[in-house]
């Protein structure tokens, strides 16, 4: 192939990737129809190419479908709702959650939350409505499938980091096939419960879940998009 042809192919791939990553968003309202098994397997096969430290591939994925999703949805929602009523109950994260958000990180978090609540008519300070919406995390926003991502305990933070790369590739592969998704750290706040429910060994640490299916584009909550920091805010050059 000529240099011109190689450059053209590279540009086409770059444009396709930029389009893909630009159109992906966190879906918070799904249709009930399931994703075909062969489509799910194609997503998983693509994500399996994720780079990892020493090629350890620390992730293990539990995929729910059909009545399996419904049973897990109902059990986890009931558990989360009970804990929401029992004020002050401790979360069950396997990996340390953010200690605090401050400065620009707090600003971005607030902006995202305000956009989300505004899209569905929740007023600032309406804690009851905010709690109801937060609990939708444990209904998986109506998604027909959940992917639960765990890592090997002995691989520590870097195993979790590799799993994060896997999650990113999973949601991009899904998007390429017309499947919407949302990565959910919220369900990791009930890691102990989920490990027992799924009968996972104690050496498997829960990183997050990914709810996925087909987006319900008629829902206002799927219309807002979060902003991104400029390159100047997110990076610096070291030239010398």
C-alpha atoms as a PDB file:
ATOM      1  CA  UNK A   1       0.000   0.000   0.000  1.00  0.00           C
ATOM      2  CA  UNK A   2       1.261   3.489  -0.833  1.00  0.00           C
ATOM      3  CA  UNK A   3       2.066   6.100   1.804  1.00  0.00           C
ATOM      4  CA  UNK A   4      -0.957   8.094   0.649  1.00  0.00           C
ATOM      5  CA  UNK A   5      -3.171   5.031   1.121  1.00  0.00           C
ATOM      6  CA  UNK A   6      -1.741   4.344   4.583  1.00  0.00           C
ATOM      7  CA  UNK A   7      -2.309   7.951   5.614  1.00  0.00           C
ATOM      8  CA  UNK A   8      -5.871   7.829   4.302  1.00  0.00           C
ATOM      9  CA  UNK A   9      -6.609   4.657   6.275  1.00  0.00           C
ATOM     10  CA  UNK A  10      -5.104   6.149   9.428  1.00  0.00           C
ATOM     11  CA  UNK A  11      -7.192   9.298   9.058  1.00  0.00           C
ATOM     12  CA  UNK A  12     -10.342   7.249   8.489  1.00  0.00           C
ATOM     13  CA  UNK A  13      -9.687   5.201  11.621  1.00  0.00           C
ATOM     14  CA  UNK A  14      -8.940   8.329  13.655  1.00  0.00           C
ATOM     15  CA  UNK A  15     -12.128  10.007  12.443  1.00  0.00           C
ATOM     16  CA  UNK A  16     -14.184   6.906  13.225  1.00  0.00           C
ATOM     17  CA  UNK A  17     -12.716   6.732  16.739  1.00  0.00           C
ATOM     18  CA  UNK A  18     -13.286  10.426  17.389  1.00  0.00           C
ATOM     19  CA  UNK A  19     -16.892  10.084  16.236  1.00  0.00           C
ATOM     20  CA  UNK A  20     -17.417   7.030  18.430  1.00  0.00           C
ATOM     21  CA  UNK A  21     -15.966   8.520  21.602  1.00  0.00           C
ATOM     22  CA  UNK A  22     -17.724  11.821  20.927  1.00  0.00           C
ATOM     23  CA  UNK A  23     -21.189  10.314  20.686  1.00  0.00           C
ATOM     24  CA  UNK A  24     -20.918   7.997  23.707  1.00  0.00           C
ATOM     25  CA  UNK A  25     -22.794   9.142  26.795  1.00  0.00           C
ATOM     26  CA  UNK A  26     -24.009   7.646  30.060  1.00  0.00           C
ATOM     27  CA  UNK A  27     -27.512   6.340  29.383  1.00  0.00           C
ATOM     28  CA  UNK A  28     -29.977   6.626  32.293  1.00  0.00           C
ATOM     29  CA  UNK A  29     -33.165   5.334  30.648  1.00  0.00           C
ATOM     30  CA  UNK A  30     -33.305   2.094  28.692  1.00  0.00           C
ATOM     31  CA  UNK A  31     -35.810   0.220  26.587  1.00  0.00           C
ATOM     32  CA  UNK A  32     -36.809  -3.179  27.955  1.00  0.00           C
ATOM     33  CA  UNK A  33     -35.756  -5.180  24.880  1.00  0.00           C
ATOM     34  CA  UNK A  34     -32.729  -7.387  25.276  1.00  0.00           C
ATOM     35  CA  UNK A  35     -29.491  -7.295  23.335  1.00  0.00           C
ATOM     36  CA  UNK A  36     -28.893 -10.425  21.258  1.00  0.00           C
ATOM     37  CA  UNK A  37     -26.337 -12.835  22.718  1.00  0.00           C
ATOM     38  CA  UNK A  38     -24.094 -12.655  19.635  1.00  0.00           C
ATOM     39  CA  UNK A  39     -23.966  -8.837  19.946  1.00  0.00           C
ATOM     40  CA  UNK A  40     -22.999  -9.105  23.626  1.00  0.00           C
ATOM     41  CA  UNK A  41     -20.302 -11.628  22.771  1.00  0.00           C
ATOM     42  CA  UNK A  42     -18.961  -9.319  20.072  1.00  0.00           C
ATOM     43  CA  UNK A  43     -18.697  -6.496  22.647  1.00  0.00           C
ATOM     44  CA  UNK A  44     -16.922  -8.806  25.080  1.00  0.00           C
ATOM     45  CA  UNK A  45     -14.527 -10.072  22.417  1.00  0.00           C
ATOM     46  CA  UNK A  46     -13.533  -6.514  21.506  1.00  0.00           C
ATOM     47  CA  UNK A  47     -13.107  -5.465  25.155  1.00  0.00           C
ATOM     48  CA  UNK A  48     -10.977  -8.538  25.812  1.00  0.00           C
ATOM     49  CA  UNK A  49      -8.228  -6.892  23.719  1.00  0.00           C
ATOM     50  CA  UNK A  50      -7.736  -4.313  26.509  1.00  0.00           C
ATOM     51  CA  UNK A  51      -4.106  -3.739  27.493  1.00  0.00           C
ATOM     52  CA  UNK A  52      -3.162  -4.714  31.066  1.00  0.00           C
ATOM     53  CA  UNK A  53      -0.063  -4.804  33.237  1.00  0.00           C
ATOM     54  CA  UNK A  54       1.986  -7.898  32.263  1.00  0.00           C
ATOM     55  CA  UNK A  55      -1.070  -8.970  30.245  1.00  0.00           C
ATOM     56  CA  UNK A  56      -2.582 -10.198  33.540  1.00  0.00           C
ATOM     57  CA  UNK A  57      -6.129  -9.407  32.304  1.00  0.00           C
ATOM     58  CA  UNK A  58      -7.428  -9.167  35.892  1.00  0.00           C
ATOM     59  CA  UNK A  59     -11.060  -8.567  34.994  1.00  0.00           C
ATOM     60  CA  UNK A  60     -13.827 -11.092  35.325  1.00  0.00           C
ATOM     61  CA  UNK A  61     -17.266 -10.152  34.008  1.00  0.00           C
ATOM     62  CA  UNK A  62     -20.620 -11.478  35.179  1.00  0.00           C
ATOM     63  CA  UNK A  63     -23.344 -10.689  32.613  1.00  0.00           C
ATOM     64  CA  UNK A  64     -27.007 -10.769  33.586  1.00  0.00           C
ATOM     65  CA  UNK A  65     -29.886 -11.225  31.187  1.00  0.00           C
ATOM     66  CA  UNK A  66     -33.623 -11.925  31.285  1.00  0.00           C
ATOM     67  CA  UNK A  67     -34.933 -13.096  34.639  1.00  0.00           C
ATOM     68  CA  UNK A  68     -31.361 -13.035  35.983  1.00  0.00           C
ATOM     69  CA  UNK A  69     -31.313  -9.249  35.579  1.00  0.00           C
ATOM     70  CA  UNK A  70     -34.748  -8.889  37.157  1.00  0.00           C
ATOM     71  CA  UNK A  71     -33.861 -10.964  40.219  1.00  0.00           C
ATOM     72  CA  UNK A  72     -30.642  -9.046  40.774  1.00  0.00           C
ATOM     73  CA  UNK A  73     -32.353  -5.693  40.140  1.00  0.00           C
ATOM     74  CA  UNK A  74     -35.073  -6.415  42.695  1.00  0.00           C
ATOM     75  CA  UNK A  75     -32.701  -7.797  45.331  1.00  0.00           C
ATOM     76  CA  UNK A  76     -30.170  -4.975  45.042  1.00  0.00           C
ATOM     77  CA  UNK A  77     -32.811  -2.238  44.936  1.00  0.00           C
ATOM     78  CA  UNK A  78     -34.480  -3.575  48.094  1.00  0.00           C
ATOM     79  CA  UNK A  79     -31.105  -3.753  49.843  1.00  0.00           C
ATOM     80  CA  UNK A  80     -30.190  -0.213  48.767  1.00  0.00           C
ATOM     81  CA  UNK A  81     -33.604   1.194  49.712  1.00  0.00           C
ATOM     82  CA  UNK A  82     -33.342  -0.308  53.199  1.00  0.00           C
ATOM     83  CA  UNK A  83     -29.913   1.232  53.631  1.00  0.00           C
ATOM     84  CA  UNK A  84     -31.155   4.616  52.378  1.00  0.00           C
ATOM     85  CA  UNK A  85     -33.810   4.556  55.101  1.00  0.00           C
ATOM     86  CA  UNK A  86     -31.244   3.547  57.735  1.00  0.00           C
ATOM     87  CA  UNK A  87     -29.434   6.875  57.789  1.00  0.00           C
ATOM     88  CA  UNK A  88     -25.675   6.654  58.228  1.00  0.00           C
ATOM     89  CA  UNK A  89     -25.226   3.053  57.078  1.00  0.00           C
ATOM     90  CA  UNK A  90     -21.640   2.471  55.950  1.00  0.00           C
ATOM     91  CA  UNK A  91     -20.896   1.773  52.265  1.00  0.00           C
ATOM     92  CA  UNK A  92     -19.286  -1.532  51.317  1.00  0.00           C
ATOM     93  CA  UNK A  93     -16.731  -0.494  48.685  1.00  0.00           C
ATOM     94  CA  UNK A  94     -13.897  -2.957  48.035  1.00  0.00           C
ATOM     95  CA  UNK A  95     -11.680  -0.137  46.754  1.00  0.00           C
ATOM     96  CA  UNK A  96     -11.398   3.156  48.612  1.00  0.00           C
ATOM     97  CA  UNK A  97     -13.998   5.639  47.387  1.00  0.00           C
ATOM     98  CA  UNK A  98     -13.053   9.290  46.737  1.00  0.00           C
ATOM     99  CA  UNK A  99     -12.241  10.880  50.100  1.00  0.00           C
ATOM    100  CA  UNK A 100     -13.557  14.253  48.979  1.00  0.00           C
ATOM    101  CA  UNK A 101     -14.221  16.387  45.933  1.00  0.00           C
ATOM    102  CA  UNK A 102     -12.709  19.866  46.064  1.00  0.00           C
ATOM    103  CA  UNK A 103     -11.818  22.721  43.737  1.00  0.00           C
ATOM    104  CA  UNK A 104     -12.428  22.063  40.057  1.00  0.00           C
ATOM    105  CA  UNK A 105     -13.372  18.428  40.784  1.00  0.00           C
ATOM    106  CA  UNK A 106     -16.197  19.538  43.051  1.00  0.00           C
ATOM    107  CA  UNK A 107     -17.241  22.095  40.457  1.00  0.00           C
ATOM    108  CA  UNK A 108     -17.462  19.452  37.722  1.00  0.00           C
ATOM    109  CA  UNK A 109     -19.373  17.074  40.003  1.00  0.00           C
ATOM    110  CA  UNK A 110     -21.896  19.773  40.888  1.00  0.00           C
ATOM    111  CA  UNK A 111     -22.317  20.779  37.248  1.00  0.00           C
ATOM    112  CA  UNK A 112     -23.050  17.184  36.252  1.00  0.00           C
ATOM    113  CA  UNK A 113     -25.526  16.710  39.110  1.00  0.00           C
ATOM    114  CA  UNK A 114     -27.352  19.952  38.375  1.00  0.00           C
ATOM    115  CA  UNK A 115     -27.634  19.083  34.680  1.00  0.00           C
ATOM    116  CA  UNK A 116     -28.976  15.635  35.486  1.00  0.00           C
ATOM    117  CA  UNK A 117     -31.551  16.854  37.992  1.00  0.00           C
ATOM    118  CA  UNK A 118     -32.586  19.788  35.824  1.00  0.00           C
ATOM    119  CA  UNK A 119     -33.246  17.435  32.887  1.00  0.00           C
ATOM    120  CA  UNK A 120     -35.924  15.624  34.899  1.00  0.00           C
ATOM    121  CA  UNK A 121     -37.309  18.589  36.816  1.00  0.00           C
ATOM    122  CA  UNK A 122     -35.739  17.982  40.245  1.00  0.00           C
ATOM    123  CA  UNK A 123     -35.220  21.281  42.060  1.00  0.00           C
ATOM    124  CA  UNK A 124     -31.976  22.037  43.875  1.00  0.00           C
ATOM    125  CA  UNK A 125     -32.370  21.035  47.511  1.00  0.00           C
ATOM    126  CA  UNK A 126     -35.181  18.513  46.898  1.00  0.00           C
ATOM    127  CA  UNK A 127     -33.555  15.704  48.843  1.00  0.00           C
ATOM    128  CA  UNK A 128     -36.488  13.311  48.628  1.00  0.00           C
ATOM    129  CA  UNK A 129     -36.575  13.456  44.825  1.00  0.00           C
ATOM    130  CA  UNK A 130     -32.777  13.307  44.718  1.00  0.00           C
ATOM    131  CA  UNK A 131     -32.786  10.122  46.810  1.00  0.00           C
ATOM    132  CA  UNK A 132     -35.399   8.538  44.555  1.00  0.00           C
ATOM    133  CA  UNK A 133     -33.281   9.298  41.500  1.00  0.00           C
ATOM    134  CA  UNK A 134     -30.109   8.028  43.201  1.00  0.00           C
ATOM    135  CA  UNK A 135     -31.874   4.733  43.907  1.00  0.00           C
ATOM    136  CA  UNK A 136     -32.486   4.317  40.177  1.00  0.00           C
ATOM    137  CA  UNK A 137     -28.825   3.291  40.032  1.00  0.00           C
ATOM    138  CA  UNK A 138     -29.884   0.065  41.730  1.00  0.00           C
ATOM    139  CA  UNK A 139     -32.675  -0.505  39.222  1.00  0.00           C
ATOM    140  CA  UNK A 140     -29.943  -0.207  36.565  1.00  0.00           C
ATOM    141  CA  UNK A 141     -32.058   2.580  35.018  1.00  0.00           C
ATOM    142  CA  UNK A 142     -34.285  -0.110  33.525  1.00  0.00           C
ATOM    143  CA  UNK A 143     -31.473  -1.747  31.522  1.00  0.00           C
ATOM    144  CA  UNK A 144     -32.058  -5.367  30.459  1.00  0.00           C
ATOM    145  CA  UNK A 145     -28.441  -6.315  31.178  1.00  0.00           C
ATOM    146  CA  UNK A 146     -25.810  -5.701  33.813  1.00  0.00           C
ATOM    147  CA  UNK A 147     -22.101  -6.459  33.526  1.00  0.00           C
ATOM    148  CA  UNK A 148     -20.426  -6.740  36.921  1.00  0.00           C
ATOM    149  CA  UNK A 149     -16.667  -6.211  36.797  1.00  0.00           C
ATOM    150  CA  UNK A 150     -14.396  -7.701  39.433  1.00  0.00           C
ATOM    151  CA  UNK A 151     -10.614  -7.767  39.833  1.00  0.00           C
ATOM    152  CA  UNK A 152      -8.214 -10.095  41.621  1.00  0.00           C
ATOM    153  CA  UNK A 153      -7.479  -8.788  45.131  1.00  0.00           C
ATOM    154  CA  UNK A 154      -3.757  -9.549  44.971  1.00  0.00           C
ATOM    155  CA  UNK A 155      -3.296  -7.208  41.972  1.00  0.00           C
ATOM    156  CA  UNK A 156      -4.353  -4.181  44.024  1.00  0.00           C
ATOM    157  CA  UNK A 157      -4.988  -0.740  42.578  1.00  0.00           C
ATOM    158  CA  UNK A 158      -3.322  -1.580  39.266  1.00  0.00           C
ATOM    159  CA  UNK A 159      -5.663  -4.508  38.718  1.00  0.00           C
ATOM    160  CA  UNK A 160      -8.546  -2.083  39.239  1.00  0.00           C
ATOM    161  CA  UNK A 161      -6.870   0.366  36.853  1.00  0.00           C
ATOM    162  CA  UNK A 162      -6.699  -2.341  34.171  1.00  0.00           C
ATOM    163  CA  UNK A 163     -10.381  -3.030  34.790  1.00  0.00           C
ATOM    164  CA  UNK A 164     -11.106   0.663  34.242  1.00  0.00           C
ATOM    165  CA  UNK A 165      -9.478   0.417  30.815  1.00  0.00           C
ATOM    166  CA  UNK A 166     -11.630  -2.655  30.147  1.00  0.00           C
ATOM    167  CA  UNK A 167     -14.772  -0.732  31.105  1.00  0.00           C
ATOM    168  CA  UNK A 168     -13.867   2.076  28.702  1.00  0.00           C
ATOM    169  CA  UNK A 169     -13.342  -0.357  25.834  1.00  0.00           C
ATOM    170  CA  UNK A 170     -16.556  -2.217  26.691  1.00  0.00           C
ATOM    171  CA  UNK A 171     -18.718   0.917  26.508  1.00  0.00           C
ATOM    172  CA  UNK A 172     -17.052   2.074  23.276  1.00  0.00           C
ATOM    173  CA  UNK A 173     -17.464  -1.340  21.643  1.00  0.00           C
ATOM    174  CA  UNK A 174     -21.114  -1.335  22.753  1.00  0.00           C
ATOM    175  CA  UNK A 175     -21.640   2.147  21.324  1.00  0.00           C
ATOM    176  CA  UNK A 176     -20.135   1.072  17.994  1.00  0.00           C
ATOM    177  CA  UNK A 177     -22.837  -1.618  17.816  1.00  0.00           C
ATOM    178  CA  UNK A 178     -25.679   0.735  18.736  1.00  0.00           C
ATOM    179  CA  UNK A 179     -25.867  -0.436  22.359  1.00  0.00           C
ATOM    180  CA  UNK A 180     -26.139   2.199  25.085  1.00  0.00           C
ATOM    181  CA  UNK A 181     -24.496   1.845  28.484  1.00  0.00           C
ATOM    182  CA  UNK A 182     -23.578   3.485  31.752  1.00  0.00           C
ATOM    183  CA  UNK A 183     -20.660   2.540  33.978  1.00  0.00           C
ATOM    184  CA  UNK A 184     -21.923   2.424  37.570  1.00  0.00           C
ATOM    185  CA  UNK A 185     -19.582   2.845  40.509  1.00  0.00           C
ATOM    186  CA  UNK A 186     -22.697   3.146  42.699  1.00  0.00           C
ATOM    187  CA  UNK A 187     -23.308  -0.582  42.801  1.00  0.00           C
ATOM    188  CA  UNK A 188     -19.792  -1.102  44.178  1.00  0.00           C
ATOM    189  CA  UNK A 189     -21.016   0.572  47.372  1.00  0.00           C
ATOM    190  CA  UNK A 190     -22.740  -2.777  48.031  1.00  0.00           C
ATOM    191  CA  UNK A 191     -19.806  -5.016  47.147  1.00  0.00           C
ATOM    192  CA  UNK A 192     -20.288  -7.324  50.123  1.00  0.00           C
ATOM    193  CA  UNK A 193     -23.940  -7.875  49.248  1.00  0.00           C
ATOM    194  CA  UNK A 194     -23.173  -8.516  45.576  1.00  0.00           C
ATOM    195  CA  UNK A 195     -20.311 -10.885  46.325  1.00  0.00           C
ATOM    196  CA  UNK A 196     -22.667 -12.970  48.429  1.00  0.00           C
ATOM    197  CA  UNK A 197     -25.505 -12.803  45.905  1.00  0.00           C
ATOM    198  CA  UNK A 198     -23.248 -13.845  43.010  1.00  0.00           C
ATOM    199  CA  UNK A 199     -21.311 -16.351  45.139  1.00  0.00           C
ATOM    200  CA  UNK A 200     -17.993 -14.754  44.218  1.00  0.00           C
ATOM    201  CA  UNK A 201     -14.850 -15.835  46.105  1.00  0.00           C
ATOM    202  CA  UNK A 202     -13.411 -13.356  48.618  1.00  0.00           C
ATOM    203  CA  UNK A 203     -10.378 -12.812  46.352  1.00  0.00           C
ATOM    204  CA  UNK A 204     -12.602 -11.119  43.739  1.00  0.00           C
ATOM    205  CA  UNK A 205     -13.015  -7.399  44.451  1.00  0.00           C
ATOM    206  CA  UNK A 206     -15.891  -5.511  42.861  1.00  0.00           C
ATOM    207  CA  UNK A 207     -14.824  -2.573  40.696  1.00  0.00           C
ATOM    208  CA  UNK A 208     -18.105  -1.412  39.150  1.00  0.00           C
ATOM    209  CA  UNK A 209     -21.047  -2.452  37.031  1.00  0.00           C
ATOM    210  CA  UNK A 210     -22.078  -1.545  33.498  1.00  0.00           C
ATOM    211  CA  UNK A 211     -25.793  -1.343  32.758  1.00  0.00           C
ATOM    212  CA  UNK A 212     -26.424  -1.774  29.052  1.00  0.00           C
ATOM    213  CA  UNK A 213     -29.172  -2.160  26.469  1.00  0.00           C
ATOM    214  CA  UNK A 214     -30.937   0.094  23.985  1.00  0.00           C
ATOM    215  CA  UNK A 215     -31.449   3.735  24.929  1.00  0.00           C
ATOM    216  CA  UNK A 216     -34.923   5.176  25.376  1.00  0.00           C
ATOM    217  CA  UNK A 217     -34.298   8.411  23.504  1.00  0.00           C
ATOM    218  CA  UNK A 218     -37.761   9.752  24.377  1.00  0.00           C
ATOM    219  CA  UNK A 219     -36.631  10.319  27.977  1.00  0.00           C
ATOM    220  CA  UNK A 220     -35.340  13.794  28.848  1.00  0.00           C
ATOM    221  CA  UNK A 221     -32.636  12.370  31.102  1.00  0.00           C
ATOM    222  CA  UNK A 222     -30.887  11.019  28.014  1.00  0.00           C
ATOM    223  CA  UNK A 223     -30.710  14.419  26.334  1.00  0.00           C
ATOM    224  CA  UNK A 224     -28.151  16.283  28.440  1.00  0.00           C
ATOM    225  CA  UNK A 225     -24.401  15.889  27.879  1.00  0.00           C
ATOM    226  CA  UNK A 226     -21.580  16.572  30.303  1.00  0.00           C
ATOM    227  CA  UNK A 227     -18.787  18.983  29.382  1.00  0.00           C
ATOM    228  CA  UNK A 228     -15.081  18.184  29.135  1.00  0.00           C
ATOM    229  CA  UNK A 229     -12.089  20.177  30.353  1.00  0.00           C
ATOM    230  CA  UNK A 230      -9.902  21.824  27.730  1.00  0.00           C
ATOM    231  CA  UNK A 231      -6.472  20.384  26.932  1.00  0.00           C
ATOM    232  CA  UNK A 232      -4.920  23.341  28.741  1.00  0.00           C
ATOM    233  CA  UNK A 233      -6.696  22.316  31.953  1.00  0.00           C
ATOM    234  CA  UNK A 234      -5.991  18.603  31.633  1.00  0.00           C
ATOM    235  CA  UNK A 235      -2.363  18.424  30.497  1.00  0.00           C
ATOM    236  CA  UNK A 236       1.037  20.081  30.358  1.00  0.00           C
ATOM    237  CA  UNK A 237       4.042  19.784  28.045  1.00  0.00           C
ATOM    238  CA  UNK A 238       7.582  18.902  29.053  1.00  0.00           C
ATOM    239  CA  UNK A 239       9.656  19.821  25.996  1.00  0.00           C
ATOM    240  CA  UNK A 240      13.142  20.184  27.508  1.00  0.00           C
END
